[in-house]
Amino acid sequence: MAMRRKAIDPSLAQFTTSTEEDQEWEYSRERDMAILGLWDEYTLSAQRLCERMAIETHQIRPSEYDPFPTQFEWLKQEETDLIIDGIWSADLHGDHCLFMNIGEHHPERHTSIEAYIYDTRVIDEGFFLKYLNTSPKATAYVPLFRKNGYATMCGLLDRYVREGILERVPNGFKKTDR
């Protein structure tokens, strides 16, 4: 007995695909809002931590420069093993500082924030990926980046650039003023 194959109505296949895309878009929109909220939290934390580091080391805060310095002059490289507020270790290197939450009972323990100290609103895609992978607030989004994480992050941030949400700047990405 020969098997008969039923032809698929192309208009129905297109309808199904369109519906799936609509469902994915809604999910993506919610996800994007959450990820952009984490972006804002990252930049605010980076700014606060750089300000605290400047206070701890008795140096001028980066926000007090007008215009912002073009050379790495606001923070001396002498400080090592700096602990901020008893829960953040600070590793200053070049024009970046890696802050790690080491608070034993702190809810953000193990969170990693790599701040570009000239402009804490600028985030490198690899640093943001590390933040999402280490922040307990972002655990729901870790599976999105499990496979090809860096490439997925780059694709996501490039899409945000195309949509006018972010702009590519030297040393990373920055939210637009819109």
N, C-alpha and C. Protein backbone atom coordinates (compact mmCIF):
# COMPACT_ATOMS: atom_id res chain seq x y z
N MET A 1 0.84 -1.16 0.00
CA MET A 1 0.00 0.00 0.00
C MET A 1 0.89 1.24 0.00
N ALA A 2 0.67 2.12 -0.91
CA ALA A 2 1.46 3.34 -1.03
C ALA A 2 0.93 4.40 -0.06
N MET A 3 1.88 5.13 0.57
CA MET A 3 1.48 6.20 1.48
C MET A 3 1.21 7.47 0.68
N ARG A 4 0.16 8.12 1.06
CA ARG A 4 -0.16 9.39 0.41
C ARG A 4 0.25 10.52 1.33
N ARG A 5 0.86 11.52 0.77
CA ARG A 5 1.23 12.69 1.55
C ARG A 5 0.26 13.80 1.26
N LYS A 6 -0.15 14.43 2.32
CA LYS A 6 -1.07 15.53 2.17
C LYS A 6 -0.25 16.81 2.01
N ALA A 7 -0.60 17.58 1.03
CA ALA A 7 0.12 18.84 0.79
C ALA A 7 -0.25 19.85 1.88
N ILE A 8 0.71 20.64 2.26
CA ILE A 8 0.48 21.69 3.26
C ILE A 8 0.05 22.95 2.54
N ASP A 9 -1.03 23.52 3.01
CA ASP A 9 -1.52 24.77 2.45
C ASP A 9 -0.54 25.87 2.82
N PRO A 10 0.16 26.49 1.84
CA PRO A 10 1.17 27.50 2.14
C PRO A 10 0.63 28.69 2.94
N SER A 11 -0.60 29.08 2.71
CA SER A 11 -1.15 30.22 3.45
C SER A 11 -1.31 29.88 4.93
N LEU A 12 -1.66 28.64 5.23
CA LEU A 12 -1.79 28.21 6.62
C LEU A 12 -0.42 28.18 7.30
N ALA A 13 0.59 27.68 6.59
CA ALA A 13 1.95 27.64 7.15
C ALA A 13 2.43 29.06 7.45
N GLN A 14 2.14 29.99 6.55
CA GLN A 14 2.55 31.39 6.77
C GLN A 14 1.83 31.95 7.99
N PHE A 15 0.55 31.63 8.15
CA PHE A 15 -0.24 32.12 9.28
C PHE A 15 0.34 31.60 10.59
N THR A 16 0.67 30.33 10.63
CA THR A 16 1.24 29.73 11.83
C THR A 16 2.57 30.39 12.18
N THR A 17 3.43 30.59 11.19
CA THR A 17 4.72 31.22 11.43
C THR A 17 4.53 32.63 11.96
N SER A 18 3.62 33.37 11.36
CA SER A 18 3.37 34.74 11.80
C SER A 18 2.89 34.76 13.25
N THR A 19 2.00 33.85 13.61
CA THR A 19 1.50 33.78 14.98
C THR A 19 2.64 33.46 15.95
N GLU A 20 3.50 32.50 15.59
CA GLU A 20 4.64 32.17 16.43
C GLU A 20 5.56 33.37 16.61
N GLU A 21 5.78 34.12 15.52
CA GLU A 21 6.63 35.30 15.62
C GLU A 21 6.01 36.34 16.53
N ASP A 22 4.68 36.51 16.44
CA ASP A 22 3.99 37.46 17.32
C ASP A 22 4.16 37.05 18.77
N GLN A 23 4.01 35.75 19.07
CA GLN A 23 4.17 35.28 20.44
C GLN A 23 5.61 35.50 20.91
N GLU A 24 6.58 35.21 20.04
CA GLU A 24 7.98 35.41 20.38
C GLU A 24 8.26 36.90 20.61
N TRP A 25 7.66 37.76 19.77
CA TRP A 25 7.88 39.20 19.92
C TRP A 25 7.41 39.67 21.28
N GLU A 26 6.24 39.22 21.72
CA GLU A 26 5.74 39.64 23.03
C GLU A 26 6.70 39.19 24.13
N TYR A 27 7.16 37.95 24.04
CA TYR A 27 8.10 37.45 25.03
C TYR A 27 9.40 38.25 24.96
N SER A 28 9.87 38.52 23.77
CA SER A 28 11.11 39.27 23.60
C SER A 28 10.97 40.68 24.16
N ARG A 29 9.83 41.27 23.95
CA ARG A 29 9.63 42.63 24.44
C ARG A 29 9.73 42.66 25.97
N GLU A 30 9.09 41.70 26.61
CA GLU A 30 9.17 41.60 28.07
C GLU A 30 10.61 41.33 28.51
N ARG A 31 11.25 40.42 27.82
CA ARG A 31 12.64 40.09 28.13
C ARG A 31 13.54 41.30 27.92
N ASP A 32 13.34 41.99 26.81
CA ASP A 32 14.15 43.17 26.53
C ASP A 32 13.97 44.23 27.60
N MET A 33 12.75 44.43 28.05
CA MET A 33 12.51 45.43 29.11
C MET A 33 13.26 45.04 30.38
N ALA A 34 13.24 43.76 30.71
CA ALA A 34 13.94 43.28 31.90
C ALA A 34 15.46 43.42 31.75
N ILE A 35 15.98 43.04 30.59
CA ILE A 35 17.43 43.15 30.35
C ILE A 35 17.87 44.60 30.36
N LEU A 36 17.07 45.48 29.77
CA LEU A 36 17.42 46.91 29.80
C LEU A 36 17.31 47.48 31.21
N GLY A 37 16.42 46.94 32.02
CA GLY A 37 16.37 47.32 33.43
C GLY A 37 17.63 46.90 34.15
N LEU A 38 18.14 45.71 33.83
CA LEU A 38 19.40 45.25 34.41
C LEU A 38 20.57 46.11 33.91
N TRP A 39 20.48 46.56 32.65
CA TRP A 39 21.50 47.46 32.10
C TRP A 39 21.55 48.74 32.95
N ASP A 40 20.39 49.31 33.24
CA ASP A 40 20.33 50.52 34.06
C ASP A 40 20.88 50.28 35.46
N GLU A 41 20.52 49.14 36.02
CA GLU A 41 21.02 48.80 37.36
C GLU A 41 22.53 48.65 37.36
N TYR A 42 23.07 48.03 36.32
CA TYR A 42 24.52 47.86 36.18
C TYR A 42 25.20 49.23 36.15
N THR A 43 24.72 50.14 35.30
CA THR A 43 25.37 51.44 35.17
C THR A 43 25.26 52.25 36.46
N LEU A 44 24.12 52.18 37.13
CA LEU A 44 23.98 52.89 38.40
C LEU A 44 24.91 52.32 39.47
N SER A 45 25.02 51.00 39.50
CA SER A 45 25.93 50.36 40.46
C SER A 45 27.37 50.72 40.15
N ALA A 46 27.74 50.72 38.87
CA ALA A 46 29.11 51.08 38.48
C ALA A 46 29.42 52.51 38.90
N GLN A 47 28.48 53.41 38.69
CA GLN A 47 28.69 54.80 39.08
C GLN A 47 28.85 54.92 40.60
N ARG A 48 27.96 54.27 41.33
CA ARG A 48 28.02 54.33 42.79
C ARG A 48 29.33 53.74 43.31
N LEU A 49 29.75 52.61 42.75
CA LEU A 49 30.98 51.97 43.21
C LEU A 49 32.21 52.82 42.88
N CYS A 50 32.25 53.45 41.72
CA CYS A 50 33.37 54.33 41.40
C CYS A 50 33.39 55.54 42.32
N GLU A 51 32.23 56.09 42.62
CA GLU A 51 32.14 57.21 43.55
C GLU A 51 32.64 56.79 44.94
N ARG A 52 32.20 55.63 45.41
CA ARG A 52 32.63 55.13 46.71
C ARG A 52 34.14 54.87 46.72
N MET A 53 34.66 54.33 45.62
CA MET A 53 36.10 54.07 45.54
C MET A 53 36.87 55.38 45.63
N ALA A 54 36.40 56.41 44.95
CA ALA A 54 37.06 57.71 45.00
C ALA A 54 37.04 58.28 46.42
N ILE A 55 35.92 58.12 47.11
CA ILE A 55 35.82 58.60 48.49
C ILE A 55 36.76 57.82 49.40
N GLU A 56 36.76 56.49 49.26
CA GLU A 56 37.62 55.64 50.09
C GLU A 56 39.09 55.97 49.92
N THR A 57 39.48 56.37 48.71
CA THR A 57 40.88 56.65 48.44
C THR A 57 41.20 58.15 48.52
N HIS A 58 40.22 58.94 48.97
CA HIS A 58 40.38 60.39 49.17
C HIS A 58 40.81 61.09 47.89
N GLN A 59 40.16 60.75 46.80
CA GLN A 59 40.45 61.36 45.52
C GLN A 59 39.20 62.02 44.97
N ILE A 60 39.39 62.87 43.98
CA ILE A 60 38.26 63.54 43.37
C ILE A 60 37.38 62.52 42.66
N ARG A 61 36.10 62.72 42.77
CA ARG A 61 35.15 61.82 42.11
C ARG A 61 35.15 62.09 40.61
N PRO A 62 34.95 61.06 39.79
CA PRO A 62 34.92 61.28 38.34
C PRO A 62 33.79 62.23 37.94
N SER A 63 32.67 62.22 38.65
CA SER A 63 31.56 63.08 38.29
C SER A 63 31.85 64.56 38.57
N GLU A 64 32.89 64.86 39.34
CA GLU A 64 33.23 66.24 39.65
C GLU A 64 34.10 66.88 38.56
N TYR A 65 34.59 66.07 37.63
CA TYR A 65 35.36 66.62 36.53
C TYR A 65 34.41 67.22 35.50
N ASP A 66 34.74 68.39 35.02
CA ASP A 66 33.98 69.00 33.95
C ASP A 66 34.96 69.72 33.04
N PRO A 67 35.23 69.26 31.87
CA PRO A 67 34.69 68.03 31.29
C PRO A 67 35.39 66.80 31.87
N PHE A 68 34.84 65.66 31.57
CA PHE A 68 35.39 64.42 32.08
C PHE A 68 36.82 64.26 31.57
N PRO A 69 37.74 63.74 32.37
CA PRO A 69 39.14 63.66 31.96
C PRO A 69 39.34 62.74 30.75
N THR A 70 40.28 63.12 29.91
CA THR A 70 40.60 62.27 28.76
C THR A 70 41.76 61.34 29.09
N GLN A 71 42.47 61.63 30.14
CA GLN A 71 43.55 60.76 30.57
C GLN A 71 43.17 60.10 31.89
N PHE A 72 43.81 59.01 32.17
CA PHE A 72 43.54 58.28 33.41
C PHE A 72 44.22 59.01 34.54
N GLU A 73 43.54 60.07 35.03
CA GLU A 73 44.20 60.91 36.01
C GLU A 73 43.43 61.04 37.32
N TRP A 74 42.20 60.63 37.32
CA TRP A 74 41.41 60.88 38.54
C TRP A 74 41.67 59.87 39.63
N LEU A 75 42.18 58.71 39.29
CA LEU A 75 42.35 57.68 40.31
C LEU A 75 43.72 57.06 40.19
N LYS A 76 44.46 57.09 41.25
CA LYS A 76 45.80 56.52 41.24
C LYS A 76 45.73 55.00 41.28
N GLN A 77 46.70 54.37 40.68
CA GLN A 77 46.75 52.91 40.61
C GLN A 77 47.35 52.29 41.86
N GLU A 78 47.61 53.10 42.87
CA GLU A 78 48.30 52.59 44.06
C GLU A 78 47.43 51.66 44.91
N GLU A 79 46.15 51.85 44.87
CA GLU A 79 45.26 51.09 45.74
C GLU A 79 45.13 49.65 45.26
N THR A 80 45.42 48.73 46.13
CA THR A 80 45.21 47.32 45.83
C THR A 80 44.46 46.71 47.00
N ASP A 81 43.75 45.67 46.75
CA ASP A 81 42.97 44.99 47.78
C ASP A 81 42.02 45.94 48.48
N LEU A 82 41.43 46.84 47.74
CA LEU A 82 40.48 47.79 48.30
C LEU A 82 39.12 47.12 48.49
N ILE A 83 38.54 47.27 49.66
CA ILE A 83 37.21 46.75 49.95
C ILE A 83 36.30 47.95 50.18
N ILE A 84 35.19 47.98 49.45
CA ILE A 84 34.26 49.09 49.53
C ILE A 84 33.00 48.64 50.26
N ASP A 85 32.61 49.41 51.26
CA ASP A 85 31.41 49.15 52.05
C ASP A 85 31.40 47.75 52.67
N GLY A 86 32.56 47.15 52.79
CA GLY A 86 32.68 45.85 53.41
C GLY A 86 32.18 44.69 52.56
N ILE A 87 31.70 44.95 51.34
CA ILE A 87 31.14 43.86 50.53
C ILE A 87 31.63 43.83 49.09
N TRP A 88 32.32 44.87 48.63
CA TRP A 88 32.78 44.90 47.25
C TRP A 88 34.30 44.98 47.21
N SER A 89 34.93 44.03 46.53
CA SER A 89 36.36 44.16 46.29
C SER A 89 36.53 44.97 45.01
N ALA A 90 37.59 45.76 44.97
CA ALA A 90 37.84 46.61 43.81
C ALA A 90 39.22 46.30 43.25
N ASP A 91 39.29 45.95 41.98
CA ASP A 91 40.55 45.67 41.31
C ASP A 91 40.70 46.67 40.16
N LEU A 92 41.41 47.75 40.43
CA LEU A 92 41.61 48.80 39.45
C LEU A 92 42.71 48.39 38.48
N HIS A 93 42.41 48.43 37.20
CA HIS A 93 43.38 48.06 36.18
C HIS A 93 43.12 48.91 34.93
N GLY A 94 44.09 49.73 34.60
CA GLY A 94 43.95 50.59 33.43
C GLY A 94 42.78 51.54 33.59
N ASP A 95 41.92 51.59 32.60
CA ASP A 95 40.77 52.48 32.68
C ASP A 95 39.49 51.75 33.11
N HIS A 96 39.67 50.58 33.70
CA HIS A 96 38.54 49.79 34.22
C HIS A 96 38.79 49.43 35.68
N CYS A 97 37.72 49.09 36.34
CA CYS A 97 37.81 48.54 37.68
C CYS A 97 36.82 47.40 37.79
N LEU A 98 37.29 46.26 38.23
CA LEU A 98 36.43 45.11 38.44
C LEU A 98 35.98 45.11 39.89
N PHE A 99 34.68 45.20 40.08
CA PHE A 99 34.09 45.13 41.41
C PHE A 99 33.43 43.77 41.55
N MET A 100 33.77 43.07 42.63
CA MET A 100 33.16 41.76 42.91
C MET A 100 32.50 41.83 44.27
N ASN A 101 31.26 41.38 44.34
CA ASN A 101 30.57 41.37 45.62
C ASN A 101 31.06 40.15 46.40
N ILE A 102 31.67 40.42 47.54
CA ILE A 102 32.23 39.36 48.38
C ILE A 102 31.50 39.24 49.71
N GLY A 103 30.38 39.96 49.82
CA GLY A 103 29.62 39.94 51.08
C GLY A 103 29.06 38.55 51.34
N GLU A 104 29.51 37.93 52.42
CA GLU A 104 29.16 36.54 52.69
C GLU A 104 27.65 36.31 52.73
N HIS A 105 26.91 37.23 53.30
CA HIS A 105 25.46 37.06 53.41
C HIS A 105 24.70 38.10 52.59
N HIS A 106 25.38 38.74 51.67
CA HIS A 106 24.76 39.77 50.85
C HIS A 106 23.98 39.13 49.70
N PRO A 107 22.79 39.65 49.35
CA PRO A 107 22.00 39.03 48.27
C PRO A 107 22.66 39.10 46.89
N GLU A 108 23.60 40.00 46.70
CA GLU A 108 24.28 40.12 45.41
C GLU A 108 25.66 39.45 45.41
N ARG A 109 25.89 38.56 46.37
CA ARG A 109 27.19 37.89 46.47
C ARG A 109 27.59 37.27 45.13
N HIS A 110 28.85 37.42 44.78
CA HIS A 110 29.47 36.92 43.55
C HIS A 110 29.14 37.74 42.31
N THR A 111 28.34 38.79 42.45
CA THR A 111 28.05 39.64 41.30
C THR A 111 29.31 40.37 40.86
N SER A 112 29.51 40.43 39.55
CA SER A 112 30.69 41.06 38.96
C SER A 112 30.25 42.27 38.14
N ILE A 113 30.87 43.43 38.44
CA ILE A 113 30.61 44.65 37.67
C ILE A 113 31.96 45.22 37.26
N GLU A 114 32.20 45.23 35.96
CA GLU A 114 33.43 45.80 35.42
C GLU A 114 33.09 47.19 34.91
N ALA A 115 33.57 48.22 35.61
CA ALA A 115 33.23 49.60 35.28
C ALA A 115 34.31 50.25 34.44
N TYR A 116 33.88 50.91 33.39
CA TYR A 116 34.77 51.79 32.62
C TYR A 116 34.74 53.11 33.38
N ILE A 117 35.82 53.45 34.04
CA ILE A 117 35.78 54.54 35.01
C ILE A 117 35.69 55.92 34.38
N TYR A 118 35.97 56.06 33.10
CA TYR A 118 35.79 57.36 32.48
C TYR A 118 34.32 57.68 32.27
N ASP A 119 33.51 56.68 32.05
CA ASP A 119 32.08 56.89 31.84
C ASP A 119 31.37 55.60 32.23
N THR A 120 30.83 55.59 33.43
CA THR A 120 30.22 54.37 33.95
C THR A 120 28.93 53.98 33.23
N ARG A 121 28.47 54.82 32.29
CA ARG A 121 27.30 54.47 31.48
C ARG A 121 27.68 53.60 30.28
N VAL A 122 28.97 53.44 30.04
CA VAL A 122 29.47 52.62 28.93
C VAL A 122 29.72 51.21 29.44
N ILE A 123 29.18 50.23 28.73
CA ILE A 123 29.35 48.83 29.13
C ILE A 123 29.84 48.01 27.93
N ASP A 124 30.87 47.25 28.16
CA ASP A 124 31.38 46.30 27.18
C ASP A 124 30.45 45.09 27.17
N GLU A 125 30.22 44.53 25.99
CA GLU A 125 29.29 43.40 25.87
C GLU A 125 29.73 42.19 26.69
N GLY A 126 31.02 41.93 26.75
CA GLY A 126 31.51 40.81 27.55
C GLY A 126 31.32 41.04 29.04
N PHE A 127 31.50 42.28 29.47
CA PHE A 127 31.31 42.61 30.89
C PHE A 127 29.85 42.51 31.29
N PHE A 128 28.96 42.93 30.38
CA PHE A 128 27.52 42.84 30.69
C PHE A 128 27.09 41.37 30.73
N LEU A 129 27.63 40.57 29.84
CA LEU A 129 27.34 39.14 29.86
C LEU A 129 27.79 38.52 31.18
N LYS A 130 28.98 38.89 31.63
CA LYS A 130 29.47 38.37 32.92
C LYS A 130 28.55 38.80 34.05
N TYR A 131 28.10 40.05 34.02
CA TYR A 131 27.17 40.54 35.04
C TYR A 131 25.89 39.70 35.04
N LEU A 132 25.32 39.47 33.87
CA LEU A 132 24.09 38.67 33.79
C LEU A 132 24.31 37.25 34.30
N ASN A 133 25.51 36.72 34.08
CA ASN A 133 25.83 35.37 34.54
C ASN A 133 26.16 35.28 36.02
N THR A 134 26.42 36.44 36.66
CA THR A 134 26.80 36.41 38.08
C THR A 134 25.78 37.05 39.01
N SER A 135 24.92 37.88 38.50
CA SER A 135 23.95 38.57 39.36
C SER A 135 22.75 37.67 39.65
N PRO A 136 22.42 37.50 40.91
CA PRO A 136 21.23 36.71 41.24
C PRO A 136 19.96 37.30 40.65
N LYS A 137 19.94 38.60 40.39
CA LYS A 137 18.76 39.25 39.80
C LYS A 137 18.55 38.85 38.35
N ALA A 138 19.58 38.31 37.72
CA ALA A 138 19.51 38.00 36.29
C ALA A 138 19.42 36.51 36.01
N THR A 139 19.25 35.68 37.01
CA THR A 139 19.29 34.23 36.79
C THR A 139 18.25 33.75 35.78
N ALA A 140 17.13 34.43 35.67
CA ALA A 140 16.10 34.01 34.70
C ALA A 140 16.59 34.15 33.26
N TYR A 141 17.61 34.98 33.02
CA TYR A 141 18.07 35.26 31.66
C TYR A 141 19.34 34.50 31.30
N VAL A 142 19.95 33.84 32.25
CA VAL A 142 21.17 33.08 32.00
C VAL A 142 20.97 32.03 30.91
N PRO A 143 19.85 31.27 30.88
CA PRO A 143 19.68 30.26 29.82
C PRO A 143 19.70 30.85 28.41
N LEU A 144 19.30 32.10 28.25
CA LEU A 144 19.31 32.72 26.92
C LEU A 144 20.72 32.83 26.36
N PHE A 145 21.71 32.88 27.25
CA PHE A 145 23.08 33.09 26.83
C PHE A 145 23.96 31.86 27.06
N ARG A 146 23.34 30.74 27.45
CA ARG A 146 24.12 29.54 27.75
C ARG A 146 24.84 29.02 26.52
N LYS A 147 24.16 29.00 25.39
CA LYS A 147 24.76 28.51 24.15
C LYS A 147 25.21 29.73 23.34
N ASN A 148 26.48 29.79 22.98
CA ASN A 148 27.02 30.91 22.22
C ASN A 148 26.76 32.25 22.91
N GLY A 149 27.04 32.31 24.19
CA GLY A 149 26.70 33.47 25.01
C GLY A 149 27.20 34.80 24.49
N TYR A 150 28.48 34.86 24.12
CA TYR A 150 29.03 36.13 23.67
C TYR A 150 28.41 36.56 22.35
N ALA A 151 28.27 35.62 21.42
CA ALA A 151 27.65 35.93 20.12
C ALA A 151 26.20 36.35 20.30
N THR A 152 25.50 35.68 21.19
CA THR A 152 24.11 36.03 21.46
C THR A 152 24.03 37.44 22.05
N MET A 153 24.92 37.75 22.99
CA MET A 153 24.93 39.09 23.59
C MET A 153 25.22 40.15 22.53
N CYS A 154 26.22 39.89 21.68
CA CYS A 154 26.55 40.86 20.62
C CYS A 154 25.36 41.08 19.69
N GLY A 155 24.68 40.01 19.33
CA GLY A 155 23.50 40.13 18.48
C GLY A 155 22.40 40.95 19.14
N LEU A 156 22.19 40.71 20.43
CA LEU A 156 21.16 41.44 21.16
C LEU A 156 21.50 42.93 21.23
N LEU A 157 22.74 43.25 21.58
CA LEU A 157 23.13 44.66 21.69
C LEU A 157 23.14 45.34 20.33
N ASP A 158 23.53 44.63 19.29
CA ASP A 158 23.46 45.19 17.93
C ASP A 158 22.01 45.50 17.55
N ARG A 159 21.10 44.64 17.94
CA ARG A 159 19.67 44.91 17.67
C ARG A 159 19.22 46.15 18.42
N TYR A 160 19.66 46.31 19.68
CA TYR A 160 19.32 47.52 20.44
C TYR A 160 19.88 48.77 19.76
N VAL A 161 21.05 48.65 19.13
CA VAL A 161 21.61 49.78 18.39
C VAL A 161 20.71 50.09 17.19
N ARG A 162 20.32 49.07 16.44
CA ARG A 162 19.44 49.28 15.28
C ARG A 162 18.12 49.91 15.69
N GLU A 163 17.63 49.56 16.87
CA GLU A 163 16.36 50.10 17.36
C GLU A 163 16.51 51.47 18.01
N GLY A 164 17.75 51.96 18.12
CA GLY A 164 17.98 53.28 18.69
C GLY A 164 17.99 53.33 20.21
N ILE A 165 18.04 52.18 20.86
CA ILE A 165 18.05 52.12 22.32
C ILE A 165 19.47 52.34 22.86
N LEU A 166 20.43 51.73 22.16
CA LEU A 166 21.85 51.87 22.53
C LEU A 166 22.60 52.48 21.36
N GLU A 167 23.78 53.00 21.67
CA GLU A 167 24.70 53.42 20.63
C GLU A 167 26.05 52.78 20.92
N ARG A 168 26.75 52.46 19.84
CA ARG A 168 28.10 51.90 20.00
C ARG A 168 29.06 53.08 20.18
N VAL A 169 29.86 53.00 21.21
CA VAL A 169 30.84 54.03 21.52
C VAL A 169 32.18 53.34 21.76
N PRO A 170 33.28 54.11 21.79
CA PRO A 170 34.54 53.45 22.15
C PRO A 170 34.40 52.75 23.50
N ASN A 171 34.88 51.57 23.61
CA ASN A 171 34.87 50.75 24.83
C ASN A 171 33.53 50.09 25.13
N GLY A 172 32.58 50.11 24.21
CA GLY A 172 31.35 49.39 24.47
C GLY A 172 30.11 50.03 23.90
N PHE A 173 29.04 49.99 24.72
CA PHE A 173 27.74 50.50 24.32
C PHE A 173 27.22 51.42 25.42
N LYS A 174 26.34 52.32 25.00
CA LYS A 174 25.79 53.29 25.93
C LYS A 174 24.34 53.54 25.51
N LYS A 175 23.46 53.73 26.50
CA LYS A 175 22.07 54.04 26.19
C LYS A 175 21.99 55.40 25.49
N THR A 176 21.07 55.50 24.54
CA THR A 176 20.86 56.78 23.87
C THR A 176 20.05 57.70 24.77
N ASP A 177 19.99 58.93 24.42
CA ASP A 177 19.27 59.92 25.24
C ASP A 177 17.79 59.97 24.95
N ARG A 178 17.30 59.07 24.12
CA ARG A 178 15.87 59.14 23.77
C ARG A 178 15.00 58.62 24.85
